[in-house]
Amino acid sequence: AIGCTGGQHRSVYISNTLGEYFGSQYPNTQVRHRELT
């Protein structure tokens, strides 16, 4: 889990970037965002 206290965009960027990186190596990689505003 990746979270960002006080910020709203960094954790989304980091999780999406890591999802792309690991998704290229592991096809079952999933990125889920708990709260979208």
N, C-alpha and C. Protein backbone atom coordinates (compact mmCIF):
# COMPACT_ATOMS: atom_id res chain seq x y z
N ALA A 1 0.84 -1.17 0.00
CA ALA A 1 0.00 0.00 0.00
C ALA A 1 0.89 1.24 0.00
N ILE A 2 0.48 2.22 -0.76
CA ILE A 2 1.21 3.48 -0.84
C ILE A 2 0.24 4.59 -0.49
N GLY A 3 0.61 5.41 0.46
CA GLY A 3 -0.25 6.51 0.86
C GLY A 3 0.54 7.80 0.94
N CYS A 4 -0.17 8.89 0.96
CA CYS A 4 0.47 10.20 1.03
C CYS A 4 -0.36 11.08 1.95
N THR A 5 0.17 11.37 3.12
CA THR A 5 -0.53 12.21 4.08
C THR A 5 -0.40 13.67 3.68
N GLY A 6 -1.52 14.32 3.50
CA GLY A 6 -1.51 15.73 3.15
C GLY A 6 -1.44 16.01 1.66
N GLY A 7 -0.84 15.12 0.91
CA GLY A 7 -0.76 15.29 -0.54
C GLY A 7 -1.83 14.45 -1.22
N GLN A 8 -2.20 14.83 -2.41
CA GLN A 8 -3.25 14.08 -3.08
C GLN A 8 -2.81 13.50 -4.41
N HIS A 9 -1.65 13.88 -4.91
CA HIS A 9 -1.28 13.45 -6.24
C HIS A 9 -0.04 12.57 -6.27
N ARG A 10 0.83 12.72 -5.28
CA ARG A 10 2.08 11.96 -5.32
C ARG A 10 1.86 10.47 -5.22
N SER A 11 0.99 10.04 -4.31
CA SER A 11 0.78 8.61 -4.14
C SER A 11 0.14 8.00 -5.39
N VAL A 12 -0.71 8.74 -6.07
CA VAL A 12 -1.33 8.26 -7.30
C VAL A 12 -0.26 8.10 -8.38
N TYR A 13 0.59 9.09 -8.51
CA TYR A 13 1.67 9.03 -9.50
C TYR A 13 2.62 7.86 -9.22
N ILE A 14 3.03 7.73 -7.97
CA ILE A 14 3.96 6.66 -7.60
C ILE A 14 3.33 5.29 -7.85
N SER A 15 2.09 5.10 -7.44
CA SER A 15 1.45 3.79 -7.62
C SER A 15 1.25 3.48 -9.10
N ASN A 16 0.89 4.46 -9.90
CA ASN A 16 0.73 4.22 -11.34
C ASN A 16 2.07 3.90 -12.00
N THR A 17 3.12 4.61 -11.60
CA THR A 17 4.44 4.37 -12.16
C THR A 17 4.95 2.98 -11.79
N LEU A 18 4.79 2.61 -10.52
CA LEU A 18 5.19 1.27 -10.10
C LEU A 18 4.34 0.20 -10.77
N GLY A 19 3.06 0.48 -10.96
CA GLY A 19 2.17 -0.47 -11.64
C GLY A 19 2.62 -0.72 -13.07
N GLU A 20 3.03 0.32 -13.77
CA GLU A 20 3.54 0.15 -15.13
C GLU A 20 4.84 -0.64 -15.13
N TYR A 21 5.72 -0.32 -14.20
CA TYR A 21 7.01 -1.01 -14.13
C TYR A 21 6.83 -2.50 -13.85
N PHE A 22 6.09 -2.82 -12.78
CA PHE A 22 5.90 -4.21 -12.42
C PHE A 22 4.95 -4.93 -13.37
N GLY A 23 4.02 -4.20 -13.97
CA GLY A 23 3.09 -4.80 -14.92
C GLY A 23 3.78 -5.34 -16.15
N SER A 24 4.89 -4.73 -16.53
CA SER A 24 5.64 -5.23 -17.69
C SER A 24 6.35 -6.54 -17.37
N GLN A 25 6.61 -6.79 -16.09
CA GLN A 25 7.29 -8.02 -15.67
C GLN A 25 6.32 -9.07 -15.14
N TYR A 26 5.25 -8.61 -14.54
CA TYR A 26 4.26 -9.50 -13.93
C TYR A 26 2.88 -9.12 -14.45
N PRO A 27 2.33 -9.90 -15.38
CA PRO A 27 1.08 -9.53 -16.05
C PRO A 27 -0.13 -9.39 -15.11
N ASN A 28 -0.10 -10.02 -13.96
CA ASN A 28 -1.26 -9.96 -13.05
C ASN A 28 -1.20 -8.78 -12.09
N THR A 29 -0.31 -7.85 -12.31
CA THR A 29 -0.18 -6.67 -11.45
C THR A 29 -1.44 -5.81 -11.55
N GLN A 30 -1.93 -5.38 -10.40
CA GLN A 30 -3.12 -4.52 -10.37
C GLN A 30 -2.82 -3.26 -9.58
N VAL A 31 -3.35 -2.15 -10.02
CA VAL A 31 -3.26 -0.89 -9.29
C VAL A 31 -4.69 -0.47 -8.97
N ARG A 32 -4.96 -0.26 -7.70
CA ARG A 32 -6.30 0.17 -7.29
C ARG A 32 -6.17 1.45 -6.47
N HIS A 33 -7.04 2.38 -6.76
CA HIS A 33 -7.08 3.64 -6.01
C HIS A 33 -8.31 3.61 -5.12
N ARG A 34 -8.07 3.74 -3.83
CA ARG A 34 -9.16 3.64 -2.86
C ARG A 34 -10.09 4.83 -2.93
N GLU A 35 -9.54 6.02 -3.05
CA GLU A 35 -10.36 7.22 -3.07
C GLU A 35 -9.97 8.09 -4.26
N LEU A 36 -10.94 8.43 -5.07
CA LEU A 36 -10.71 9.35 -6.18
C LEU A 36 -11.60 10.55 -5.99
N THR A 37 -11.02 11.74 -6.05
CA THR A 37 -11.84 12.95 -5.88
C THR A 37 -11.68 13.85 -7.07
